[in-house]
């Protein structure tokens, strides 16, 4: 278990660890696994600046999982330097001895969750398509999960999000969309946690998307702790 403070998972991958006085679950929030999905990165950075802390238990926050892709503002990193152009979200559980940097980085994140055993792993994403049940795939404005039955916290979070939406366009929905090769499902299979992918629709202004991501994180933290 990592001590409270700022840790480097890799030379430029920062993990913030916060611990409350009262014991409780460990929650992991992360963003920037895809470099073109920036609202989640900014949301976590802003929450940290605003003094985001746990009420009980521990909070782990990694704002930028994939620095090379984030610099390029592309889904995978541009093929240059260490980066191999692989989708980090499809590299789990990873391989510490692999020649591809993304596979080695995935192993670092996998080892982190095996060490910390968080009760929640929440990864912040964005989508170019707003969710419609007849359009597959479409993700915007959903909390995506891959197990049946749906974790109860998702229903509670969706209800709270819809209670504070600014328009009908912002309506949230849960979405069951299992992808066995995704990082979230690999982690859920390994440690049995609640795994959620938050998807905001890129059709909204960036500032609003950031605020919505902050709302989701705050609500999930409240519901889980």
Foldseek 3Di string as FASTA:
>chain_A
DDDADWDDLDPPWIKGKAADPAAAFEAEEEEALFQLFQLQLVLLVVCVVVPDHAPHHMYIYTSHLQVQRVVVNGGAHDPDDQADRDRLQQLPPADCPDSHPSRNSNVSVLVVCVVRVGQEYEYEGEFQADDDPVDPPHAAQEKEFADPPAPPLRVVLLVVLQVPDPDPSNRHYYHHDHDCRGSQNVSCVVRVHGYIYHYHHPVDDSVVSNVSSNSSVVSSSVSRD
